[in-house]
């Protein structure tokens, strides 16, 4: 099972959840109507089959309004994605340029695992008041996701163990689990609203003092009934929530081993949790406990039903049985060929580090220190990005400088100070620096992010032409910094044909990114994966950034299984001659980010 199978399974479970949610709502509406009718109508009429349908209509409308309002309220609270969950739990954002040793260790680990998985580096949070060993990832899409760990995890886990935990959480993001988990929270919020209103009616009765006994009795009965009905709905909702969560944990554990190539990392973390616990006491922890790495609050009633995670011993045994006896194995070594074969490239594109990829910590360590430090601050990260775009022509450079004249003169000075180093680094390192810079730039409010992306667009258009790297850079920045209102990729297409013209355009651009004399052959090999219809390589003039971006947005709506076919077509095109050029790699990264399918290749 690859990343696409997991995403498809998550979407199927979403459909199942919606069915059960609709069924629960239907039963709740029926139960509330029954209570209202019994409490207000004459029993003889009811026994005779005489029903006040006007009352039923209003009761149904109000009940649906309450459930819909509760769901909408929770969805709006979570609209910001992962950062909203972090705020609910009281987590603290760790600045990308943090000098705190524990914070720096955590940031480094998250950076390394994000690079290993092919996704951009997410913002990092710490739950400072939590002594248990735990962590969570949250977000509707890779662009709005975050990773958080407890203080207990940060202090008690070794670096390898922390790496295993972070890799597990990144796997949840890639598999679509985090999006599914947030939908679960929203659905339960609507059902919970019924019991909340019932509890409020009971409390109002206590505070109301002496009033008409009949009215008070009726309100008490209705409030108690709503509390019971809502609680029963919540009971079954949490059963569904726990069952879905348990199934996804084994997949994330297996992915963590693939990312880190070290089963004793995540396995050792689970052993320490077995010894020291993983409780999270923050408000909201109960409702959000299915998001965590391990049980954040162990259920006391019907444990096997309500547990959101499999038993620790079962998880440890699945990773490495030797860990249960205290015998840890050395990390498994992985061969390091110079270039991944096409099938290995496809595995990397599927969301896992391709065999042959350099260790992420080595990749980051090899970056020039000045640029590496610059991309970890929101202000200097802007200068580092702009430094890649400074033109050699004095005329064009003067036009680019004018973009920074309004209150940004100091930024241009920083741009020029970093320019030579930015031009000197290998093209493969540019992508890593961009990914690190995006992590810092995400900390800016939306308006400054918009202004910066607009400046980048102006810098690119100053010479009235767009290179492949410039297209890639602008695509990554636009998707990661301006797509905060996009809640993951919605499936709109269950066949390739509706987006075949878009696939032709994107694969044409990729073919032009390789050796010019082999563009036709690369395009043909790629398109052969998707269709048997006769197709023609588009000239580069018909693959302008704007139209390619629009095509990618439509391709993003493909079902996961069809995305697999599209990625396979890209692989066949890029690897037609057995080589992967820097321009092809850059395009693959930009395509992956835009269609919500992070790509990692060696």
Protein backbone atom coordinates (compact mmCIF):
# COMPACT_ATOMS: atom_id res chain seq x y z
CA UNK A 1 0.00 0.00 0.00
CA UNK A 2 1.52 3.36 -1.06
CA UNK A 3 0.69 6.95 -0.13
CA UNK A 4 -2.10 7.13 -2.73
CA UNK A 5 -3.78 3.99 -1.42
CA UNK A 6 -3.69 5.49 2.06
CA UNK A 7 -5.15 8.78 0.90
CA UNK A 8 -7.86 6.92 -1.00
CA UNK A 9 -8.63 4.83 2.08
CA UNK A 10 -8.85 8.02 4.16
CA UNK A 11 -11.31 9.51 1.68
CA UNK A 12 -13.42 6.34 1.71
CA UNK A 13 -13.49 6.50 5.49
CA UNK A 14 -14.64 10.10 5.20
CA UNK A 15 -17.60 8.84 3.17
CA UNK A 16 -18.34 6.18 5.79
CA UNK A 17 -18.10 8.80 8.53
CA UNK A 18 -20.50 11.09 6.70
CA UNK A 19 -22.95 8.19 6.41
CA UNK A 20 -22.77 7.39 10.12
CA UNK A 21 -22.94 11.09 10.97
CA UNK A 22 -26.08 11.47 8.84
CA UNK A 23 -27.54 8.36 10.48
CA UNK A 24 -26.75 9.74 13.95
CA UNK A 25 -28.37 13.07 13.06
CA UNK A 26 -31.47 11.26 11.75
CA UNK A 27 -31.79 9.24 14.96
CA UNK A 28 -31.25 12.33 17.12
CA UNK A 29 -33.93 14.25 15.21
CA UNK A 30 -36.34 11.32 15.63
CA UNK A 31 -35.56 11.04 19.35
CA UNK A 32 -36.00 14.79 19.98
CA UNK A 33 -39.30 14.77 18.10
CA UNK A 34 -40.49 11.82 20.18
CA UNK A 35 -39.61 13.61 23.42
CA UNK A 36 -41.31 16.84 22.33
CA UNK A 37 -44.46 15.06 21.16
CA UNK A 38 -44.75 12.98 24.31
CA UNK A 39 -44.18 16.04 26.46
CA UNK A 40 -46.61 18.39 24.70
CA UNK A 41 -49.29 16.35 22.96
CA UNK A 42 -52.21 14.39 24.37
CA UNK A 43 -51.25 10.73 24.74
CA UNK A 44 -54.64 9.54 23.49
CA UNK A 45 -54.17 11.43 20.22
CA UNK A 46 -50.70 9.99 19.79
CA UNK A 47 -51.96 6.47 20.38
CA UNK A 48 -54.65 7.10 17.78
CA UNK A 49 -51.97 8.11 15.28
CA UNK A 50 -52.81 11.81 15.30
CA UNK A 51 -49.50 13.66 14.96
CA UNK A 52 -48.99 17.43 15.04
CA UNK A 53 -46.88 17.64 11.89
CA UNK A 54 -46.38 21.39 12.24
CA UNK A 55 -44.74 20.77 15.62
CA UNK A 56 -42.68 17.94 14.12
CA UNK A 57 -41.54 20.25 11.32
CA UNK A 58 -40.46 23.01 13.69
CA UNK A 59 -38.77 20.54 16.06
CA UNK A 60 -36.87 18.97 13.16
CA UNK A 61 -35.83 22.38 11.84
CA UNK A 62 -34.60 23.61 15.23
CA UNK A 63 -32.75 20.34 15.96
CA UNK A 64 -30.99 20.42 12.58
CA UNK A 65 -30.19 24.10 13.14
CA UNK A 66 -28.57 23.29 16.50
CA UNK A 67 -26.53 20.38 15.09
CA UNK A 68 -25.54 22.35 11.99
CA UNK A 69 -24.67 25.38 14.09
CA UNK A 70 -22.53 23.28 16.45
CA UNK A 71 -20.69 21.71 13.52
CA UNK A 72 -20.22 25.08 11.79
CA UNK A 73 -18.94 26.67 15.01
CA UNK A 74 -16.31 23.97 15.43
CA UNK A 75 -15.34 24.06 11.76
CA UNK A 76 -14.86 27.84 11.92
CA UNK A 77 -12.75 27.47 15.07
CA UNK A 78 -10.51 25.07 13.17
CA UNK A 79 -10.55 27.09 9.92
CA UNK A 80 -6.91 28.16 10.35
CA UNK A 81 -5.87 24.53 10.20
CA UNK A 82 -3.14 23.18 12.43
CA UNK A 83 -2.38 26.48 14.17
CA UNK A 84 -5.98 26.61 15.47
CA UNK A 85 -5.55 23.22 17.15
CA UNK A 86 -2.25 24.37 18.67
CA UNK A 87 -3.98 27.45 20.11
CA UNK A 88 -6.82 25.36 21.58
CA UNK A 89 -4.26 23.19 23.38
CA UNK A 90 -2.17 26.16 24.56
CA UNK A 91 0.94 25.24 22.55
CA UNK A 92 3.82 27.70 22.06
CA UNK A 93 5.23 28.42 18.61
CA UNK A 94 8.97 27.75 18.30
CA UNK A 95 10.65 30.44 16.21
CA UNK A 96 12.68 28.98 13.29
CA UNK A 97 15.72 30.98 14.45
CA UNK A 98 15.44 29.78 18.06
CA UNK A 99 18.76 29.41 19.90
CA UNK A 100 17.29 27.39 22.78
CA UNK A 101 19.04 23.96 22.69
CA UNK A 102 15.84 21.91 23.04
CA UNK A 103 13.96 24.11 20.59
CA UNK A 104 16.83 23.97 18.09
CA UNK A 105 17.00 20.17 18.36
CA UNK A 106 13.27 19.89 17.68
CA UNK A 107 13.43 22.31 14.73
CA UNK A 108 16.37 20.43 13.21
CA UNK A 109 14.54 17.11 13.52
CA UNK A 110 11.36 18.49 11.93
CA UNK A 111 13.39 20.06 9.09
CA UNK A 112 15.18 16.77 8.44
CA UNK A 113 12.01 14.66 8.45
CA UNK A 114 10.15 17.15 6.25
CA UNK A 115 12.97 16.99 3.69
CA UNK A 116 13.03 13.18 3.93
CA UNK A 117 9.30 13.04 3.19
CA UNK A 118 9.33 15.68 0.47
CA UNK A 119 6.98 18.15 2.16
CA UNK A 120 7.75 21.73 3.14
CA UNK A 121 8.85 22.33 6.72
CA UNK A 122 5.76 22.92 8.91
CA UNK A 123 5.64 25.36 11.86
CA UNK A 124 6.66 23.72 15.14
CA UNK A 125 4.97 24.04 18.55
CA UNK A 126 5.69 22.86 22.09
CA UNK A 127 3.13 22.03 24.81
CA UNK A 128 5.22 23.45 27.65
CA UNK A 129 2.95 22.37 30.51
CA UNK A 130 2.69 18.72 29.46
CA UNK A 131 5.12 16.30 31.12
CA UNK A 132 3.89 13.18 29.32
CA UNK A 133 5.61 11.97 26.15
CA UNK A 134 3.37 12.85 23.23
CA UNK A 135 3.04 14.78 19.98
CA UNK A 136 0.50 15.57 17.29
CA UNK A 137 0.21 16.85 13.73
CA UNK A 138 -2.78 18.83 12.50
CA UNK A 139 -3.86 20.51 9.29
CA UNK A 140 -6.27 20.29 6.38
CA UNK A 141 -3.44 20.30 3.83
CA UNK A 142 0.38 20.33 3.85
CA UNK A 143 0.32 24.13 3.47
CA UNK A 144 -1.55 24.76 6.75
CA UNK A 145 -0.18 21.85 8.81
CA UNK A 146 1.81 22.05 12.04
CA UNK A 147 3.66 19.64 14.30
CA UNK A 148 3.66 19.92 18.11
CA UNK A 149 5.39 17.92 20.83
CA UNK A 150 5.03 17.95 24.60
CA UNK A 151 7.75 19.20 26.91
CA UNK A 152 8.01 15.63 28.21
CA UNK A 153 8.85 14.32 24.74
CA UNK A 154 11.40 17.06 24.19
CA UNK A 155 13.20 16.36 27.47
CA UNK A 156 12.90 12.59 27.81
CA UNK A 157 13.40 11.33 24.26
CA UNK A 158 16.76 10.91 22.55
CA UNK A 159 17.29 12.57 19.19
CA UNK A 160 16.62 9.30 17.31
CA UNK A 161 13.44 8.71 19.30
CA UNK A 162 12.23 12.25 18.71
CA UNK A 163 12.97 11.78 15.02
CA UNK A 164 10.82 8.66 14.97
CA UNK A 165 7.90 10.46 16.64
CA UNK A 166 8.10 13.41 14.23
CA UNK A 167 8.30 11.05 11.23
CA UNK A 168 5.14 9.31 12.48
CA UNK A 169 3.29 12.64 12.63
CA UNK A 170 4.48 13.69 9.17
CA UNK A 171 3.17 10.37 7.85
CA UNK A 172 -0.27 11.30 9.22
CA UNK A 173 -0.12 14.56 7.24
CA UNK A 174 0.90 12.81 4.02
CA UNK A 175 -1.67 10.02 4.39
CA UNK A 176 -4.56 12.47 4.77
CA UNK A 177 -5.22 11.37 8.37
CA UNK A 178 -4.94 14.88 9.84
CA UNK A 179 -7.60 16.25 7.49
CA UNK A 180 -9.86 13.32 8.40
CA UNK A 181 -9.23 13.87 12.12
CA UNK A 182 -10.23 17.55 11.96
CA UNK A 183 -13.42 16.62 10.09
CA UNK A 184 -14.20 14.21 12.93
CA UNK A 185 -13.85 17.03 15.47
CA UNK A 186 -16.27 19.20 13.49
CA UNK A 187 -18.87 16.43 13.18
CA UNK A 188 -18.76 15.61 16.88
CA UNK A 189 -19.12 19.32 17.68
CA UNK A 190 -22.60 19.31 16.13
CA UNK A 191 -23.79 16.23 18.03
CA UNK A 192 -22.28 17.55 21.26
CA UNK A 193 -24.31 20.76 20.88
CA UNK A 194 -27.54 18.85 21.69
CA UNK A 195 -26.27 17.66 25.07
CA UNK A 196 -24.79 21.11 25.76
CA UNK A 197 -28.23 22.71 25.32
CA UNK A 198 -29.80 20.04 27.53
CA UNK A 199 -27.24 20.70 30.25
CA UNK A 200 -27.88 24.43 29.93
CA UNK A 201 -31.63 23.92 30.40
CA UNK A 202 -31.03 21.89 33.56
CA UNK A 203 -28.70 24.54 34.97
CA UNK A 204 -31.19 27.29 34.09
CA UNK A 205 -33.84 25.43 36.10
CA UNK A 206 -31.58 25.34 39.13
CA UNK A 207 -30.97 29.10 38.91
CA UNK A 208 -34.54 30.10 38.08
CA UNK A 209 -36.00 29.86 41.59
CA UNK A 210 -39.74 29.46 42.14
CA UNK A 211 -41.81 29.47 39.00
CA UNK A 212 -44.74 27.60 37.55
CA UNK A 213 -44.16 23.99 38.60
CA UNK A 214 -45.62 22.56 35.39
CA UNK A 215 -43.42 24.73 33.17
CA UNK A 216 -40.38 23.90 35.27
CA UNK A 217 -41.12 20.18 35.13
CA UNK A 218 -41.52 20.34 31.36
CA UNK A 219 -38.28 22.23 30.92
CA UNK A 220 -36.49 19.84 33.25
CA UNK A 221 -37.80 16.83 31.36
CA UNK A 222 -36.86 18.28 27.97
CA UNK A 223 -33.42 19.34 29.20
CA UNK A 224 -32.74 15.92 30.69
CA UNK A 225 -33.93 14.20 27.52
CA UNK A 226 -31.71 16.40 25.31
CA UNK A 227 -28.74 15.74 27.58
CA UNK A 228 -29.30 11.99 27.36
CA UNK A 229 -29.92 12.00 23.59
CA UNK A 230 -26.86 14.18 22.92
CA UNK A 231 -24.71 12.08 25.23
CA UNK A 232 -25.75 8.86 23.48
CA UNK A 233 -24.95 10.46 20.11
CA UNK A 234 -21.57 11.60 21.39
CA UNK A 235 -20.95 8.11 22.81
CA UNK A 236 -21.36 6.47 19.41
CA UNK A 237 -19.52 9.32 17.68
CA UNK A 238 -16.48 8.73 19.87
CA UNK A 239 -16.65 5.01 19.17
CA UNK A 240 -16.39 5.75 15.44
CA UNK A 241 -13.64 8.30 16.08
CA UNK A 242 -11.59 5.79 18.08
CA UNK A 243 -12.04 2.97 15.56
CA UNK A 244 -10.89 5.12 12.63
CA UNK A 245 -7.90 6.45 14.58
CA UNK A 246 -6.66 3.00 15.64
CA UNK A 247 -6.54 1.75 12.06
CA UNK A 248 -4.31 4.62 10.93
CA UNK A 249 -1.64 4.31 13.64
CA UNK A 250 0.04 1.17 12.29
CA UNK A 251 0.43 2.79 8.85
CA UNK A 252 2.03 5.89 10.37
CA UNK A 253 4.40 3.75 12.48
CA UNK A 254 5.52 1.84 9.37
CA UNK A 255 6.02 5.09 7.46
CA UNK A 256 8.14 6.48 10.31
CA UNK A 257 10.49 3.50 10.02
CA UNK A 258 10.77 4.11 6.26
CA UNK A 259 11.51 7.82 6.71
CA UNK A 260 14.13 7.35 9.43
CA UNK A 261 15.47 3.91 8.39
CA UNK A 262 15.74 3.26 12.12
CA UNK A 263 13.05 1.13 13.83
CA UNK A 264 14.65 1.59 17.25
CA UNK A 265 13.88 5.34 17.10
CA UNK A 266 10.08 5.23 17.11
CA UNK A 267 10.17 1.88 18.92
CA UNK A 268 12.29 3.33 21.72
CA UNK A 269 9.88 6.26 22.08
CA UNK A 270 6.95 3.84 22.50
CA UNK A 271 8.92 1.87 25.13
CA UNK A 272 9.50 5.08 27.11
CA UNK A 273 5.80 5.93 26.88
CA UNK A 274 5.04 2.45 28.20
CA UNK A 275 7.24 3.24 31.20
CA UNK A 276 6.43 6.93 31.79
CA UNK A 277 3.03 7.68 30.26
CA UNK A 278 1.69 10.01 27.58
CA UNK A 279 -1.14 11.91 29.29
CA UNK A 280 -2.06 15.38 28.02
CA UNK A 281 -4.02 17.44 30.54
CA UNK A 282 -4.66 20.59 28.45
CA UNK A 283 -8.23 21.74 27.93
CA UNK A 284 -9.54 20.25 24.71
CA UNK A 285 -7.24 17.25 25.05
CA UNK A 286 -10.20 14.90 25.48
CA UNK A 287 -11.91 16.06 22.29
CA UNK A 288 -8.66 16.08 20.30
CA UNK A 289 -7.02 12.99 21.77
CA UNK A 290 -7.24 11.03 18.49
CA UNK A 291 -4.73 13.51 16.99
CA UNK A 292 -1.89 12.49 19.30
CA UNK A 293 1.02 10.08 18.85
CA UNK A 294 -0.14 7.98 21.81
CA UNK A 295 -3.16 7.92 24.14
CA UNK A 296 -3.39 11.44 25.58
CA UNK A 297 -6.01 10.40 28.14
CA UNK A 298 -6.56 6.68 28.62
CA UNK A 299 -10.29 5.83 28.72
CA UNK A 300 -11.45 4.33 32.03
CA UNK A 301 -14.65 2.81 30.59
CA UNK A 302 -14.71 0.21 27.79
CA UNK A 303 -11.03 0.83 27.17
CA UNK A 304 -10.75 -1.47 24.16
CA UNK A 305 -13.66 0.36 22.48
CA UNK A 306 -12.75 3.96 23.22
CA UNK A 307 -8.95 3.74 22.89
CA UNK A 308 -7.84 5.93 19.98
CA UNK A 309 -4.56 4.01 19.64
CA UNK A 310 -3.64 0.31 19.60
CA UNK A 311 -2.01 -1.13 22.71
CA UNK A 312 1.60 0.02 23.04
CA UNK A 313 2.88 -3.55 23.21
CA UNK A 314 1.18 -4.40 19.91
CA UNK A 315 2.65 -1.31 18.21
CA UNK A 316 6.14 -2.06 19.54
CA UNK A 317 5.95 -5.70 18.44
CA UNK A 318 4.91 -4.63 14.93
CA UNK A 319 7.98 -2.36 14.69
CA UNK A 320 10.61 -4.58 16.32
CA UNK A 321 9.76 -7.40 18.78
CA UNK A 322 13.29 -7.27 20.21
CA UNK A 323 12.48 -3.92 21.82
CA UNK A 324 10.07 -5.65 24.20
CA UNK A 325 12.96 -7.61 25.71
CA UNK A 326 15.21 -4.56 25.96
CA UNK A 327 17.40 -5.70 23.05
CA UNK A 328 17.67 -2.87 20.53
CA UNK A 329 19.02 -3.45 17.08
CA UNK A 330 21.41 -1.14 15.30
CA UNK A 331 19.78 1.07 12.66
CA UNK A 332 19.45 -0.81 9.40
CA UNK A 333 21.88 0.40 6.80
CA UNK A 334 20.64 1.36 3.37
CA UNK A 335 22.67 1.19 0.20
CA UNK A 336 23.60 4.53 -1.35
CA UNK A 337 23.71 4.32 -5.17
CA UNK A 338 24.64 7.43 -7.09
CA UNK A 339 21.23 7.78 -8.72
CA UNK A 340 17.89 6.20 -7.98
CA UNK A 341 16.51 3.87 -10.61
CA UNK A 342 13.15 4.81 -12.15
CA UNK A 343 11.21 2.47 -9.86
CA UNK A 344 13.00 3.97 -6.84
CA UNK A 345 12.22 7.44 -8.09
CA UNK A 346 8.55 6.46 -8.26
CA UNK A 347 8.73 5.27 -4.65
CA UNK A 348 10.21 8.58 -3.63
CA UNK A 349 7.50 10.45 -5.49
CA UNK A 350 4.93 8.37 -3.65
CA UNK A 351 5.90 10.23 -0.52
CA UNK A 352 8.82 8.22 0.83
CA UNK A 353 12.51 9.03 0.67
CA UNK A 354 13.97 7.38 -2.38
CA UNK A 355 16.75 4.89 -1.85
CA UNK A 356 19.94 6.75 -2.58
CA UNK A 357 18.83 10.08 -1.14
CA UNK A 358 21.39 11.78 1.05
CA UNK A 359 20.66 11.97 4.77
CA UNK A 360 18.56 15.09 5.46
CA UNK A 361 20.86 16.25 8.28
CA UNK A 362 23.81 16.08 5.86
CA UNK A 363 21.90 18.07 3.24
CA UNK A 364 21.15 20.86 5.74
CA UNK A 365 24.67 20.82 7.21
CA UNK A 366 26.19 21.35 3.74
CA UNK A 367 24.25 24.58 3.17
CA UNK A 368 26.32 27.81 3.38
CA UNK A 369 26.02 29.02 6.98
CA UNK A 370 25.07 32.60 6.04
CA UNK A 371 22.18 31.48 3.86
CA UNK A 372 21.12 28.78 6.31
CA UNK A 373 20.89 31.34 9.12
CA UNK A 374 19.15 33.88 6.88
CA UNK A 375 16.27 31.60 5.86
CA UNK A 376 15.36 30.94 9.50
CA UNK A 377 14.16 34.50 10.13
CA UNK A 378 11.02 35.90 8.41
CA UNK A 379 12.77 39.17 7.47
CA UNK A 380 16.10 37.81 6.26
CA UNK A 381 14.35 34.87 4.54
CA UNK A 382 12.76 37.40 2.18
CA UNK A 383 16.21 38.72 1.29
CA UNK A 384 17.57 35.20 0.75
CA UNK A 385 14.74 34.31 -1.63
CA UNK A 386 15.11 37.58 -3.56
CA UNK A 387 18.88 37.00 -3.84
CA UNK A 388 18.21 34.07 -6.20
CA UNK A 389 16.38 36.43 -8.58
CA UNK A 390 18.82 39.34 -9.00
CA UNK A 391 19.62 39.72 -12.70
CA UNK A 392 23.11 40.21 -14.19
CA UNK A 393 21.98 43.08 -16.41
CA UNK A 394 22.47 46.53 -14.85
CA UNK A 395 19.29 47.75 -16.52
CA UNK A 396 17.15 44.91 -15.13
CA UNK A 397 18.87 45.11 -11.76
CA UNK A 398 17.97 48.80 -11.49
CA UNK A 399 14.32 47.92 -12.14
CA UNK A 400 14.48 45.22 -9.48
CA UNK A 401 16.03 47.60 -6.97
CA UNK A 402 13.17 50.05 -7.50
CA UNK A 403 10.74 47.40 -6.22
CA UNK A 404 12.33 47.76 -2.78
CA UNK A 405 12.43 51.57 -2.69
CA UNK A 406 9.28 52.05 -0.59
CA UNK A 407 10.43 51.44 2.96
CA UNK A 408 12.41 48.33 2.02
CA UNK A 409 15.82 49.79 1.17
CA UNK A 410 17.48 47.76 3.94
CA UNK A 411 16.03 44.56 2.48
CA UNK A 412 17.66 45.29 -0.89
CA UNK A 413 20.98 45.83 0.88
CA UNK A 414 20.59 42.38 2.48
CA UNK A 415 19.62 40.93 -0.90
CA UNK A 416 22.83 42.15 -2.50
CA UNK A 417 24.89 40.94 0.47
CA UNK A 418 23.57 37.40 -0.05
CA UNK A 419 23.54 37.48 -3.85
CA UNK A 420 26.97 35.99 -4.57
CA UNK A 421 26.50 33.10 -2.15
CA UNK A 422 23.02 32.42 -3.52
CA UNK A 423 24.35 32.27 -7.08
CA UNK A 424 27.24 29.99 -6.12
CA UNK A 425 25.34 27.16 -4.43
CA UNK A 426 24.35 24.02 -6.38
CA UNK A 427 20.83 24.04 -7.82
CA UNK A 428 19.87 21.06 -5.65
CA UNK A 429 20.56 23.12 -2.50
CA UNK A 430 18.34 25.97 -3.67
CA UNK A 431 15.23 23.85 -3.16
CA UNK A 432 16.23 22.99 0.40
CA UNK A 433 16.83 26.66 1.21
CA UNK A 434 13.44 27.57 -0.25
CA UNK A 435 11.73 24.94 1.91
CA UNK A 436 13.46 26.26 5.04
CA UNK A 437 12.61 29.85 4.09
CA UNK A 438 8.92 29.00 3.63
CA UNK A 439 8.80 27.70 7.21
CA UNK A 440 9.97 31.11 8.49
CA UNK A 441 7.82 33.12 6.07
CA UNK A 442 4.68 31.31 7.26
CA UNK A 443 5.06 33.16 10.57
CA UNK A 444 4.26 36.47 8.85
CA UNK A 445 0.62 37.66 8.83
CA UNK A 446 -1.25 37.09 5.58
CA UNK A 447 -0.96 40.65 4.22
CA UNK A 448 2.87 40.84 4.50
CA UNK A 449 3.03 37.41 2.86
CA UNK A 450 0.90 38.68 -0.02
CA UNK A 451 3.14 41.73 -0.42
CA UNK A 452 6.27 39.57 -0.46
CA UNK A 453 4.91 37.14 -3.06
CA UNK A 454 3.89 40.15 -5.17
CA UNK A 455 7.46 41.51 -4.91
CA UNK A 456 8.82 38.14 -6.03
CA UNK A 457 6.44 38.23 -9.00
CA UNK A 458 7.72 41.71 -9.91
CA UNK A 459 11.37 40.63 -9.54
CA UNK A 460 10.72 37.74 -11.93
CA UNK A 461 8.89 39.85 -14.52
CA UNK A 462 11.54 42.62 -14.50
CA UNK A 463 13.35 41.00 -17.46
CA UNK A 464 10.05 40.06 -19.17
CA UNK A 465 10.77 36.34 -19.21
CA UNK A 466 10.31 33.47 -16.76
CA UNK A 467 12.82 30.65 -16.30
CA UNK A 468 11.84 27.22 -15.03
CA UNK A 469 13.42 27.94 -11.66
CA UNK A 470 11.51 31.22 -11.36
CA UNK A 471 8.25 29.41 -12.17
CA UNK A 472 9.08 26.77 -9.55
CA UNK A 473 9.93 29.38 -6.92
CA UNK A 474 6.76 31.40 -7.50
CA UNK A 475 4.61 28.24 -7.50
CA UNK A 476 6.03 27.06 -4.17
CA UNK A 477 5.67 30.46 -2.52
CA UNK A 478 2.12 30.98 -3.81
CA UNK A 479 0.93 27.55 -2.68
CA UNK A 480 2.63 27.59 0.70
CA UNK A 481 2.11 31.22 1.72
CA UNK A 482 -1.18 32.23 0.08
CA UNK A 483 -3.23 29.03 0.15
CA UNK A 484 -4.24 29.26 3.83
CA UNK A 485 -7.93 29.25 2.88
CA UNK A 486 -7.64 25.94 1.01
CA UNK A 487 -8.71 22.97 3.15
CA UNK A 488 -6.95 20.23 1.26
CA UNK A 489 -7.61 18.88 -2.19
CA UNK A 490 -11.27 18.17 -2.95
CA UNK A 491 -11.80 15.25 -5.33
CA UNK A 492 -13.58 16.51 -8.45
CA UNK A 493 -12.42 13.99 -11.05
CA UNK A 494 -12.62 10.19 -11.07
CA UNK A 495 -11.27 9.84 -14.61
CA UNK A 496 -8.24 11.26 -16.42
CA UNK A 497 -10.10 12.43 -19.54
CA UNK A 498 -11.59 15.65 -18.04
CA UNK A 499 -8.08 16.88 -17.16
CA UNK A 500 -6.17 15.25 -20.04
CA UNK A 501 -5.48 18.64 -21.73
CA UNK A 502 -4.05 19.86 -18.42
CA UNK A 503 -1.85 16.76 -18.10
CA UNK A 504 -0.61 17.33 -21.66
CA UNK A 505 0.37 20.90 -20.80
CA UNK A 506 2.18 19.99 -17.56
CA UNK A 507 4.03 17.01 -19.06
CA UNK A 508 4.98 19.17 -22.07
CA UNK A 509 6.58 21.68 -19.70
CA UNK A 510 8.44 18.88 -17.90
CA UNK A 511 9.65 17.47 -21.23
CA UNK A 512 11.01 20.90 -22.23
CA UNK A 513 12.80 21.03 -18.85
CA UNK A 514 15.04 18.12 -19.87
CA UNK A 515 17.37 17.72 -22.84
CA UNK A 516 15.82 19.70 -25.76
CA UNK A 517 16.62 17.00 -28.31
CA UNK A 518 14.77 14.38 -26.19
CA UNK A 519 11.70 16.45 -25.30
CA UNK A 520 9.46 14.67 -27.84
CA UNK A 521 10.48 11.21 -26.62
CA UNK A 522 10.12 12.14 -22.94
CA UNK A 523 6.66 13.58 -23.57
CA UNK A 524 5.58 10.48 -25.51
CA UNK A 525 6.76 8.11 -22.76
CA UNK A 526 4.97 10.14 -20.11
CA UNK A 527 1.67 10.44 -21.96
CA UNK A 528 1.70 6.72 -22.85
CA UNK A 529 1.10 6.04 -19.13
CA UNK A 530 -2.09 8.12 -19.16
CA UNK A 531 -3.75 7.53 -22.51
CA UNK A 532 -3.63 5.61 -25.77
CA UNK A 533 -5.05 8.60 -27.64
CA UNK A 534 -2.76 10.44 -30.09
CA UNK A 535 -1.32 13.51 -28.36
CA UNK A 536 1.15 16.19 -29.39
CA UNK A 537 3.92 17.90 -27.45
CA UNK A 538 2.94 21.52 -26.85
CA UNK A 539 5.50 24.20 -27.71
CA UNK A 540 7.03 25.97 -24.73
CA UNK A 541 5.10 29.14 -25.63
CA UNK A 542 1.85 27.32 -24.75
CA UNK A 543 3.20 26.30 -21.33
CA UNK A 544 3.29 29.74 -19.74
CA UNK A 545 3.32 29.88 -15.92
CA UNK A 546 -0.24 31.16 -15.56
CA UNK A 547 -1.86 28.45 -17.69
CA UNK A 548 0.30 25.70 -16.17
CA UNK A 549 -0.72 26.88 -12.70
CA UNK A 550 -4.39 26.69 -13.69
CA UNK A 551 -3.85 23.19 -15.08
CA UNK A 552 -2.19 22.03 -11.87
CA UNK A 553 -5.09 23.35 -9.80
CA UNK A 554 -7.47 21.20 -11.84
CA UNK A 555 -5.18 18.16 -11.62
CA UNK A 556 -5.18 18.63 -7.85
CA UNK A 557 -8.84 17.53 -7.95
CA UNK A 558 -7.98 14.03 -9.21
CA UNK A 559 -8.81 11.06 -7.01
CA UNK A 560 -5.66 9.69 -5.27
CA UNK A 561 -5.47 6.61 -7.51
CA UNK A 562 -5.47 8.82 -10.61
CA UNK A 563 -2.84 11.08 -9.07
CA UNK A 564 -0.69 7.96 -8.86
CA UNK A 565 -1.07 7.55 -12.63
CA UNK A 566 -0.22 11.20 -13.21
CA UNK A 567 2.89 10.93 -11.01
CA UNK A 568 3.89 7.75 -12.87
CA UNK A 569 3.57 9.69 -16.14
CA UNK A 570 5.80 12.45 -14.76
CA UNK A 571 8.31 9.80 -13.67
CA UNK A 572 8.38 8.19 -17.11
CA UNK A 573 8.89 11.58 -18.76
CA UNK A 574 11.60 12.83 -16.38
CA UNK A 575 13.54 9.55 -16.35
CA UNK A 576 13.27 8.85 -20.10
CA UNK A 577 17.05 9.07 -20.52
CA UNK A 578 17.91 7.59 -17.11
CA UNK A 579 18.91 10.99 -15.71
CA UNK A 580 17.17 13.52 -13.51
CA UNK A 581 18.31 17.06 -14.25
CA UNK A 582 18.07 19.89 -11.72
CA UNK A 583 15.43 21.66 -13.80
CA UNK A 584 13.33 18.47 -13.86
CA UNK A 585 13.72 17.98 -10.12
CA UNK A 586 12.66 21.58 -9.47
CA UNK A 587 9.57 21.15 -11.63
CA UNK A 588 8.66 17.89 -9.91
CA UNK A 589 8.86 19.57 -6.50
CA UNK A 590 6.65 22.47 -7.60
CA UNK A 591 4.13 20.12 -9.20
CA UNK A 592 3.98 17.97 -6.07
CA UNK A 593 3.35 20.92 -3.77
CA UNK A 594 0.67 22.37 -6.05
CA UNK A 595 -1.31 19.13 -6.33
CA UNK A 596 -0.98 18.30 -2.59
CA UNK A 597 1.33 15.37 -3.25
CA UNK A 598 4.80 16.14 -1.81
CA UNK A 599 7.58 14.69 -3.94
CA UNK A 600 10.97 13.56 -2.64
CA UNK A 601 13.63 12.26 -4.98
CA UNK A 602 17.36 11.81 -4.73
